[in-house]
Amino acid sequence: MLNLDKLQSTGKKATRDGFGAGLKAAGDAHDNVVMLTADLRGSMKSEDFINAYPDRFVQCGISEANMIGVSAGLATAGKIPMATTFANFATGRVYDQIRQSVAYSDKNVKICASHAGLTLGEDGATHQILEDIGMMRMLPGMTVINPCDYNQTKAAVVAIAEHHGPVYLRFGRPSWPVFIPEDQEFVIGKALHLNAGTDVSIFATGHLVWYAIEAARELAKEGISVDLINIHTIKPLDEAAVVASAKKTGAVVTCEEHNKYGGLGSAIAECLAKHAPTRQEFVATDDTFGESGEAEELLEKYGLGVKDIIAAAKRALGKA
């Protein structure tokens, strides 16, 4: 297990850069990995893969629905297609194609979605999808992964190339602290315990894992011990880890860059309702769209900041 002392930032890199590095590594390991994009090769940080394997790159243009159909065909032919575009276009624009051509027939297609959440920033509400995790986790057989930093994203790409079945991999645009050790094992469906605590459980995913770490440090100064868990795989959820932590602390906070409906908070609430009913507080967007702005300013405005996690933990403990 890691702990708060070990979780120090070594610099900043975007999770989409981690995707690019992982894509090249997966391509090196598997000669049937193919990368497709909808006119976003630069934004997806895929140049290293394309330069190394130009014959395994498919430029689909601004035609996301067609890209999903081509990916399904490639999977049928034994390829491992990585279909890449912005998260809003990778889900909302092509949900029917994903449902019918990928999920329904359990195709081995990896939907790799960048620029998710509020941290897309200045492009505004039309691009800042906050519903995608909910949409994708409702699809039967779909694995949903939301890594927290560069290293974890790189490892996740390598892992999904080894995994058979449809996957939704969500990552982001901004430079973000790198804090997960480079050699940390990534296991699909297995939560990563970041700190052992006894007072309150904080489950976080994506960019908000770093904010949860900072919140846990501040709470520790006040004598509040945080059991901190990185839920990088939202489906299948590591229910054993969730239940064990909730039973230990009796107070739960969930943190995500997503609508409070349908995402990590909902998944954990469903789990706890079945196995260990526990007081839960949600740090998520409150049933709203976003707006244009700087990434970190938007997180603060929409209630996803460090102070919001601290306040949620105190509410869960009945101390607010």
Protein backbone atom coordinates (compact mmCIF):
# COMPACT_ATOMS: atom_id res chain seq x y z
CA MET A 1 0.00 0.00 0.00
CA LEU A 2 1.08 3.56 -0.65
CA ASN A 3 0.67 6.40 1.88
CA LEU A 4 0.40 10.17 1.91
CA ASP A 5 4.13 10.65 2.46
CA LYS A 6 4.93 8.69 -0.71
CA LEU A 7 2.36 10.48 -2.85
CA GLN A 8 4.38 13.50 -3.91
CA SER A 9 4.15 15.26 -7.27
CA THR A 10 7.22 14.77 -9.46
CA GLY A 11 6.05 17.36 -11.99
CA LYS A 12 3.10 17.89 -14.28
CA LYS A 13 2.04 16.05 -17.42
CA ALA A 14 -1.37 15.67 -19.03
CA THR A 15 -3.12 12.34 -18.78
CA ARG A 16 -3.54 12.52 -22.57
CA ASP A 17 0.27 12.44 -22.78
CA GLY A 18 0.11 9.26 -20.73
CA PHE A 19 -2.30 7.87 -23.29
CA GLY A 20 0.16 8.64 -26.10
CA ALA A 21 3.00 6.93 -24.26
CA GLY A 22 0.82 3.94 -23.43
CA LEU A 23 -0.40 3.67 -27.01
CA LYS A 24 3.18 3.39 -28.27
CA ALA A 25 3.99 0.81 -25.59
CA ALA A 26 0.88 -1.23 -26.44
CA GLY A 27 1.77 -1.01 -30.14
CA ASP A 28 5.27 -2.26 -29.39
CA ALA A 29 3.86 -5.22 -27.46
CA HIS A 30 1.03 -6.16 -29.85
CA ASP A 31 1.34 -5.98 -33.62
CA ASN A 32 -2.46 -6.06 -33.98
CA VAL A 33 -3.01 -2.79 -32.08
CA VAL A 34 -4.47 -0.23 -34.51
CA MET A 35 -5.11 3.44 -33.76
CA LEU A 36 -8.03 5.33 -35.28
CA THR A 37 -8.88 8.99 -34.84
CA ALA A 38 -11.54 11.47 -35.86
CA ASP A 39 -9.21 14.23 -37.08
CA LEU A 40 -7.48 14.59 -33.68
CA ARG A 41 -4.12 12.86 -33.99
CA GLY A 42 -2.28 15.82 -32.45
CA SER A 43 -4.70 16.33 -29.57
CA MET A 44 -4.51 12.62 -28.76
CA LYS A 45 -0.69 12.76 -28.49
CA SER A 46 -0.40 9.84 -30.87
CA GLU A 47 2.54 10.93 -33.04
CA ASP A 48 5.02 8.43 -31.57
CA PHE A 49 2.71 5.54 -32.43
CA ILE A 50 1.92 6.90 -35.89
CA ASN A 51 5.58 7.51 -36.71
CA ALA A 52 6.50 4.00 -35.59
CA TYR A 53 3.54 2.23 -37.19
CA PRO A 54 2.08 4.35 -40.01
CA ASP A 55 0.39 1.31 -41.54
CA ARG A 56 -1.55 0.76 -38.31
CA PHE A 57 -3.08 4.24 -38.23
CA VAL A 58 -6.51 5.08 -39.66
CA GLN A 59 -7.55 8.72 -40.08
CA CYS A 60 -11.35 8.69 -40.15
CA GLY A 61 -11.84 12.44 -40.32
CA ILE A 62 -14.66 14.22 -38.53
CA SER A 63 -16.86 11.14 -38.74
CA GLU A 64 -17.02 9.60 -35.28
CA ALA A 65 -19.91 7.24 -35.99
CA ASN A 66 -18.05 5.82 -38.96
CA MET A 67 -14.92 5.45 -36.80
CA ILE A 68 -16.83 3.24 -34.35
CA GLY A 69 -18.15 1.13 -37.22
CA VAL A 70 -14.67 0.74 -38.71
CA SER A 71 -13.34 -0.17 -35.26
CA ALA A 72 -15.98 -2.88 -34.87
CA GLY A 73 -14.99 -4.29 -38.26
CA LEU A 74 -11.31 -4.27 -37.37
CA ALA A 75 -12.05 -6.06 -34.11
CA THR A 76 -13.95 -8.72 -36.04
CA ALA A 77 -10.81 -9.22 -38.13
CA GLY A 78 -8.67 -9.79 -35.02
CA LYS A 79 -7.27 -6.30 -34.54
CA ILE A 80 -7.24 -4.32 -31.28
CA PRO A 81 -8.64 -0.96 -32.36
CA MET A 82 -8.02 2.11 -30.20
CA ALA A 83 -10.69 4.58 -31.35
CA THR A 84 -9.73 8.09 -30.24
CA THR A 85 -11.49 11.45 -30.03
CA PHE A 86 -12.76 13.93 -27.44
CA ALA A 87 -14.94 12.36 -24.74
CA ASN A 88 -18.05 14.29 -25.78
CA PHE A 89 -17.81 13.00 -29.33
CA ALA A 90 -16.70 9.52 -28.23
CA THR A 91 -19.92 8.96 -26.26
CA GLY A 92 -22.80 11.38 -26.77
CA ARG A 93 -22.37 11.71 -30.51
CA VAL A 94 -22.02 7.99 -31.23
CA TYR A 95 -23.89 6.22 -28.44
CA ASP A 96 -26.10 4.26 -30.80
CA GLN A 97 -23.12 2.95 -32.79
CA ILE A 98 -21.32 1.95 -29.59
CA ARG A 99 -24.38 0.16 -28.24
CA GLN A 100 -25.27 -1.67 -31.44
CA SER A 101 -21.89 -2.34 -33.08
CA VAL A 102 -19.58 -2.71 -30.06
CA ALA A 103 -21.32 -3.49 -26.76
CA TYR A 104 -24.14 -5.68 -28.07
CA SER A 105 -21.74 -8.03 -29.82
CA ASP A 106 -18.94 -7.72 -27.23
CA LYS A 107 -16.43 -6.37 -29.74
CA ASN A 108 -12.83 -5.91 -28.60
CA VAL A 109 -12.91 -2.14 -29.23
CA LYS A 110 -11.17 0.37 -26.96
CA ILE A 111 -12.85 3.79 -26.94
CA CYS A 112 -10.15 6.20 -25.81
CA ALA A 113 -11.64 9.55 -24.87
CA SER A 114 -9.65 12.69 -24.11
CA HIS A 115 -10.67 16.19 -22.98
CA ALA A 116 -13.29 14.92 -20.52
CA GLY A 117 -14.91 16.94 -17.77
CA LEU A 118 -14.63 20.56 -16.71
CA THR A 119 -10.84 20.58 -17.10
CA LEU A 120 -11.25 20.78 -20.86
CA GLY A 121 -11.48 24.45 -19.92
CA GLU A 122 -12.04 27.19 -22.45
CA ASP A 123 -13.94 25.09 -25.02
CA GLY A 124 -16.94 25.31 -22.71
CA ALA A 125 -20.10 23.36 -21.99
CA THR A 126 -20.60 21.94 -25.49
CA HIS A 127 -17.35 19.97 -25.13
CA GLN A 128 -17.12 19.45 -21.34
CA ILE A 129 -19.06 16.23 -21.08
CA LEU A 130 -20.03 15.38 -17.52
CA GLU A 131 -22.37 12.48 -18.25
CA ASP A 132 -20.09 10.05 -20.08
CA ILE A 133 -19.21 7.70 -17.23
CA GLY A 134 -22.88 7.15 -16.51
CA MET A 135 -23.68 6.58 -20.16
CA MET A 136 -20.90 4.07 -20.67
CA ARG A 137 -21.21 2.11 -17.45
CA MET A 138 -24.86 1.37 -18.26
CA LEU A 139 -23.85 -0.57 -21.38
CA PRO A 140 -23.71 -4.31 -20.69
CA GLY A 141 -20.17 -5.66 -20.76
CA MET A 142 -18.48 -2.26 -21.03
CA THR A 143 -15.41 -1.73 -18.85
CA VAL A 144 -15.05 1.90 -17.70
CA ILE A 145 -11.66 3.27 -16.65
CA ASN A 146 -10.74 6.79 -15.48
CA PRO A 147 -7.04 7.01 -14.49
CA CYS A 148 -5.65 9.78 -12.30
CA ASP A 149 -2.27 10.84 -13.71
CA TYR A 150 0.25 10.35 -16.53
CA ASN A 151 1.77 7.14 -15.17
CA GLN A 152 -1.55 5.50 -14.39
CA THR A 153 -2.96 6.41 -17.80
CA LYS A 154 0.06 4.94 -19.56
CA ALA A 155 -0.29 1.72 -17.56
CA ALA A 156 -4.03 1.61 -18.22
CA VAL A 157 -3.54 1.70 -22.01
CA VAL A 158 -1.16 -1.25 -21.82
CA ALA A 159 -3.67 -3.10 -19.63
CA ILE A 160 -6.67 -2.54 -21.90
CA ALA A 161 -4.68 -3.86 -24.86
CA GLU A 162 -4.30 -7.12 -22.91
CA HIS A 163 -7.97 -7.18 -21.88
CA HIS A 164 -10.53 -8.72 -24.22
CA GLY A 165 -13.79 -6.84 -24.54
CA PRO A 166 -15.09 -3.30 -25.01
CA VAL A 167 -13.48 -0.59 -22.89
CA TYR A 168 -14.16 3.09 -22.31
CA LEU A 169 -10.94 4.86 -21.23
CA ARG A 170 -11.41 8.47 -20.06
CA PHE A 171 -8.60 11.01 -19.66
CA GLY A 172 -7.98 14.73 -19.86
CA ARG A 173 -6.39 17.77 -21.38
CA PRO A 174 -4.58 19.80 -18.68
CA SER A 175 -1.11 19.33 -17.25
CA TRP A 176 -1.67 17.58 -13.94
CA PRO A 177 0.55 16.38 -11.07
CA VAL A 178 2.29 13.05 -11.63
CA PHE A 179 2.32 11.13 -8.35
CA ILE A 180 1.58 7.44 -8.94
CA PRO A 181 4.91 5.51 -9.04
CA GLU A 182 5.93 4.56 -12.56
CA ASP A 183 6.26 0.89 -11.57
CA GLN A 184 2.85 0.70 -9.84
CA GLU A 185 0.88 -2.27 -11.14
CA PHE A 186 -2.38 -1.46 -12.89
CA VAL A 187 -5.05 -4.12 -12.53
CA ILE A 188 -8.40 -3.56 -14.23
CA GLY A 189 -11.17 -3.77 -11.64
CA LYS A 190 -8.80 -3.53 -8.64
CA ALA A 191 -8.87 -0.32 -6.61
CA LEU A 192 -5.58 1.24 -5.54
CA HIS A 193 -5.32 1.91 -1.80
CA LEU A 194 -3.41 5.18 -1.38
CA ASN A 195 -3.58 5.69 2.38
CA ALA A 196 -4.84 3.69 5.34
CA GLY A 197 -7.19 5.54 7.67
CA THR A 198 -9.92 4.94 10.22
CA ASP A 199 -12.24 7.95 10.32
CA VAL A 200 -13.55 8.61 6.81
CA SER A 201 -13.30 6.84 3.45
CA ILE A 202 -12.58 8.98 0.41
CA PHE A 203 -13.05 7.30 -2.97
CA ALA A 204 -11.77 9.39 -5.86
CA THR A 205 -11.28 8.98 -9.59
CA GLY A 206 -9.48 10.84 -12.37
CA HIS A 207 -8.06 14.30 -11.75
CA LEU A 208 -9.77 14.53 -8.37
CA VAL A 209 -7.52 11.86 -6.90
CA TRP A 210 -4.80 14.49 -6.51
CA TYR A 211 -7.22 16.89 -4.86
CA ALA A 212 -8.32 14.08 -2.53
CA ILE A 213 -4.68 13.51 -1.55
CA GLU A 214 -4.27 17.19 -0.74
CA ALA A 215 -7.52 17.15 1.22
CA ALA A 216 -6.38 14.07 3.17
CA ARG A 217 -3.17 15.88 4.15
CA GLU A 218 -5.15 18.84 5.47
CA LEU A 219 -7.60 16.61 7.31
CA ALA A 220 -4.70 14.76 8.94
CA LYS A 221 -3.52 18.07 10.41
CA GLU A 222 -6.91 18.29 12.14
CA GLY A 223 -6.62 14.76 13.49
CA ILE A 224 -8.96 13.20 10.90
CA SER A 225 -7.62 9.92 9.50
CA VAL A 226 -8.53 9.29 5.85
CA ASP A 227 -8.83 5.89 4.20
CA LEU A 228 -8.05 7.01 0.64
CA ILE A 229 -8.80 4.83 -2.36
CA ASN A 230 -8.24 5.50 -6.06
CA ILE A 231 -11.11 3.98 -8.04
CA HIS A 232 -9.54 4.00 -11.50
CA THR A 233 -11.93 1.30 -12.73
CA ILE A 234 -15.52 2.37 -12.20
CA LYS A 235 -16.86 -0.74 -13.93
CA PRO A 236 -16.30 -3.42 -12.84
CA LEU A 237 -16.22 -1.74 -9.44
CA ASP A 238 -13.97 -3.24 -6.76
CA GLU A 239 -16.89 -3.82 -4.40
CA ALA A 240 -14.76 -5.70 -1.87
CA ALA A 241 -12.47 -2.70 -1.40
CA VAL A 242 -15.41 -0.28 -1.17
CA VAL A 243 -17.30 -2.34 1.39
CA ALA A 244 -14.24 -3.06 3.52
CA SER A 245 -13.34 0.62 3.74
CA ALA A 246 -16.92 1.76 4.41
CA LYS A 247 -17.36 -0.79 7.19
CA LYS A 248 -14.10 0.34 8.76
CA THR A 249 -14.89 4.06 8.81
CA GLY A 250 -18.67 4.35 8.64
CA ALA A 251 -18.40 7.56 6.60
CA VAL A 252 -17.88 7.89 2.84
CA VAL A 253 -17.02 10.68 0.39
CA THR A 254 -16.91 10.19 -3.39
CA CYS A 255 -15.00 12.61 -5.65
CA GLU A 256 -15.29 12.86 -9.41
CA GLU A 257 -15.17 15.31 -12.31
CA HIS A 258 -18.62 14.23 -13.45
CA ASN A 259 -22.30 14.82 -12.78
CA LYS A 260 -23.39 13.54 -9.36
CA TYR A 261 -25.85 11.29 -11.20
CA GLY A 262 -24.60 8.12 -12.85
CA GLY A 263 -20.88 8.26 -12.15
CA LEU A 264 -18.56 7.03 -9.40
CA GLY A 265 -20.77 8.32 -6.60
CA SER A 266 -23.78 6.48 -7.96
CA ALA A 267 -21.79 3.27 -8.46
CA ILE A 268 -20.55 3.34 -4.88
CA ALA A 269 -23.99 4.25 -3.51
CA GLU A 270 -25.46 1.24 -5.33
CA CYS A 271 -22.76 -0.99 -3.87
CA LEU A 272 -23.21 0.29 -0.32
CA ALA A 273 -27.00 0.06 -0.51
CA LYS A 274 -26.63 -3.66 -1.18
CA HIS A 275 -23.77 -4.54 1.15
CA ALA A 276 -23.05 -1.87 3.76
CA PRO A 277 -25.40 1.13 4.02
CA THR A 278 -23.18 4.07 4.97
CA ARG A 279 -23.49 7.83 5.20
CA GLN A 280 -22.17 9.24 1.91
CA GLU A 281 -21.32 12.71 0.64
CA PHE A 282 -20.85 13.49 -3.06
CA VAL A 283 -18.21 15.79 -4.53
CA ALA A 284 -19.34 16.13 -8.14
CA THR A 285 -21.06 18.64 -10.40
CA ASP A 286 -24.58 19.33 -9.20
CA ASP A 287 -26.74 18.39 -12.20
CA THR A 288 -25.36 21.21 -14.33
CA PHE A 289 -23.46 21.96 -17.51
CA GLY A 290 -20.08 23.67 -17.40
CA GLU A 291 -18.80 26.89 -18.95
CA SER A 292 -15.64 28.34 -20.47
CA GLY A 293 -12.77 29.06 -18.10
CA GLU A 294 -9.43 27.93 -16.71
CA ALA A 295 -9.45 24.28 -15.63
CA GLU A 296 -8.63 24.74 -11.95
CA GLU A 297 -10.90 27.77 -11.61
CA LEU A 298 -13.80 25.74 -12.99
CA LEU A 299 -13.16 22.91 -10.55
CA GLU A 300 -13.32 25.40 -7.70
CA LYS A 301 -16.44 27.15 -9.03
CA TYR A 302 -18.38 23.92 -9.47
CA GLY A 303 -17.57 22.58 -6.01
CA LEU A 304 -14.79 20.13 -6.90
CA GLY A 305 -11.90 21.80 -5.08
CA VAL A 306 -9.77 20.61 -2.17
CA LYS A 307 -11.82 22.68 0.27
CA ASP A 308 -14.99 21.02 -1.03
CA ILE A 309 -13.59 17.56 -0.35
CA ILE A 310 -12.56 18.62 3.16
CA ALA A 311 -16.04 20.02 3.81
CA ALA A 312 -17.68 16.85 2.49
CA ALA A 313 -15.52 14.68 4.76
CA LYS A 314 -16.57 16.75 7.79
CA ARG A 315 -20.23 16.49 6.79
CA ALA A 316 -19.89 12.71 6.47
CA LEU A 317 -18.46 12.69 10.00
CA GLY A 318 -21.22 14.96 11.31
CA LYS A 319 -18.70 17.71 12.05
CA ALA A 320 -19.87 20.35 9.57
